[in-house]
Protein backbone atom coordinates (compact mmCIF):
# COMPACT_ATOMS: atom_id res chain seq x y z
CA VAL A 1 -1.29 9.73 -13.55
CA GLN A 2 1.70 7.79 -12.30
CA LEU A 3 1.96 5.85 -9.08
CA GLN A 4 5.49 4.67 -8.41
CA ALA A 5 5.58 1.98 -5.74
CA SER A 6 8.75 0.78 -4.05
CA GLY A 7 10.01 -0.82 -0.87
CA GLY A 8 9.07 -4.44 -1.37
CA GLY A 9 11.45 -7.30 -0.81
CA LEU A 10 12.13 -10.58 0.91
CA VAL A 11 11.79 -10.66 4.67
CA GLN A 12 11.52 -13.32 7.35
CA ALA A 13 8.34 -13.81 9.31
CA GLY A 14 8.12 -11.25 12.08
CA GLY A 15 10.07 -8.70 10.08
CA SER A 16 9.11 -5.28 8.80
CA LEU A 17 8.97 -3.40 5.52
CA ARG A 18 7.91 0.08 4.52
CA LEU A 19 6.31 0.54 1.14
CA SER A 20 6.24 3.90 -0.60
CA CYS A 21 4.05 5.20 -3.40
CA LYS A 22 4.95 8.47 -5.04
CA ALA A 23 2.10 10.02 -6.99
CA SER A 24 2.32 12.38 -9.91
CA GLY A 25 -0.08 13.73 -12.49
CA LEU A 26 -2.95 14.13 -10.04
CA ASN A 27 -4.19 16.55 -7.42
CA PHE A 28 -2.86 14.79 -4.35
CA LYS A 29 -4.73 17.08 -1.96
CA ILE A 30 -8.11 15.79 -3.08
CA THR A 31 -7.22 12.19 -3.87
CA ASP A 32 -8.06 9.19 -1.72
CA MET A 33 -5.19 6.70 -1.72
CA GLY A 34 -4.81 3.07 -0.78
CA TRP A 35 -2.79 -0.12 -0.82
CA TYR A 36 -4.03 -3.41 -2.19
CA ARG A 37 -2.47 -6.84 -2.23
CA GLN A 38 -2.71 -9.64 -4.76
CA SER A 39 -1.53 -12.99 -3.50
CA PRO A 40 -0.79 -15.92 -5.80
CA GLY A 41 -4.05 -17.45 -7.02
CA SER A 42 -6.16 -14.80 -5.32
CA GLN A 43 -7.96 -11.65 -6.29
CA ARG A 44 -6.63 -8.23 -5.46
CA GLU A 45 -7.79 -7.22 -1.99
CA LEU A 46 -7.83 -4.08 0.07
CA VAL A 47 -5.10 -3.66 2.68
CA ALA A 48 -5.51 -0.04 3.79
CA THR A 49 -6.87 3.28 2.60
CA ILE A 50 -6.32 6.89 3.55
CA SER A 51 -8.64 9.62 2.37
CA SER A 52 -7.71 13.10 1.25
CA GLY A 53 -8.82 14.28 4.67
CA GLY A 54 -6.73 11.70 6.49
CA SER A 55 -9.41 9.16 7.40
CA ILE A 56 -7.96 5.67 7.56
CA ALA A 57 -9.36 2.18 7.16
CA TYR A 58 -7.67 -1.21 7.37
CA ALA A 59 -8.50 -4.72 6.36
CA ASP A 60 -8.94 -6.93 9.41
CA SER A 61 -5.73 -8.75 8.53
CA ALA A 62 -3.78 -5.48 8.65
CA LYS A 63 -5.16 -4.00 11.85
CA GLY A 64 -2.59 -3.65 14.59
CA ARG A 65 0.31 -4.53 12.30
CA PHE A 66 0.22 -2.11 9.35
CA THR A 67 0.12 1.69 9.33
CA ILE A 68 -0.80 3.79 6.33
CA SER A 69 0.20 7.43 6.12
CA ARG A 70 0.60 10.17 3.55
CA ASP A 71 2.96 13.07 3.12
CA TRP A 72 1.43 15.96 1.23
CA PRO A 73 4.59 17.89 0.27
CA THR A 74 6.18 14.85 -1.39
CA ARG A 75 2.84 13.39 -2.60
CA THR A 76 3.81 10.04 -1.15
CA VAL A 77 1.76 7.37 0.58
CA TYR A 78 3.45 4.91 2.90
CA LEU A 79 2.54 1.51 4.24
CA GLN A 80 4.55 0.52 7.29
CA MET A 81 4.24 -3.21 7.80
CA THR A 82 5.36 -4.95 10.98
CA GLY A 83 4.94 -8.46 12.28
CA LEU A 84 4.88 -9.76 8.74
CA GLU A 85 3.51 -13.24 8.15
CA PRO A 86 3.86 -15.61 5.18
CA GLU A 87 0.20 -14.86 4.40
CA ASP A 88 1.19 -11.26 3.68
CA THR A 89 3.14 -12.40 0.62
CA GLY A 90 1.98 -10.89 -2.63
CA ILE A 91 2.25 -7.96 -4.97
CA TYR A 92 1.27 -4.71 -3.30
CA PHE A 93 -0.37 -2.12 -5.49
CA CYS A 94 -0.83 1.55 -4.84
CA ASN A 95 -4.28 2.88 -5.70
CA ALA A 96 -5.59 6.38 -6.28
CA GLN A 97 -9.19 7.48 -6.68
CA TYR A 98 -8.71 10.33 -9.15
CA ARG A 99 -10.74 10.60 -12.31
CA GLY A 100 -11.53 6.97 -11.85
CA THR A 101 -9.38 4.27 -10.31
CA GLN A 102 -5.66 4.49 -10.94
CA TRP A 103 -3.14 1.72 -10.23
CA GLY A 104 0.60 1.65 -9.85
CA GLN A 105 2.84 -1.14 -11.12
CA GLY A 106 3.08 -3.01 -7.83
CA THR A 107 5.93 -4.05 -5.61
CA GLN A 108 6.58 -7.64 -4.56
CA VAL A 109 6.59 -8.59 -0.89
CA THR A 110 7.72 -12.08 0.06
CA VAL A 111 7.62 -13.26 3.66
CA SER A 112 9.44 -16.48 4.42
CA SER A 113 8.54 -18.71 7.33
């Protein structure tokens, strides 16, 4: 299983980014996917999930600002982030629930104030 995350970067507060996670080596149609964030000095925490059937859940901090989606033909999961805040800074990891928990390598998001 490979989860290739991209799209991170440096952005000013109030800005937007779109993260992408391209999955390979798994059956994307039956795999629940998600995004997690690990901020400096903190544990990895859930940001958003999307099930194989399209059900979506968000952390309270992401509601109203972030949108998770998935594209079945390209086996890609997206996280559209708007209204970014310095507290959103961290490494964002793609997650797949397929034969256990699978993690991608992460992409750094830095939001300056």
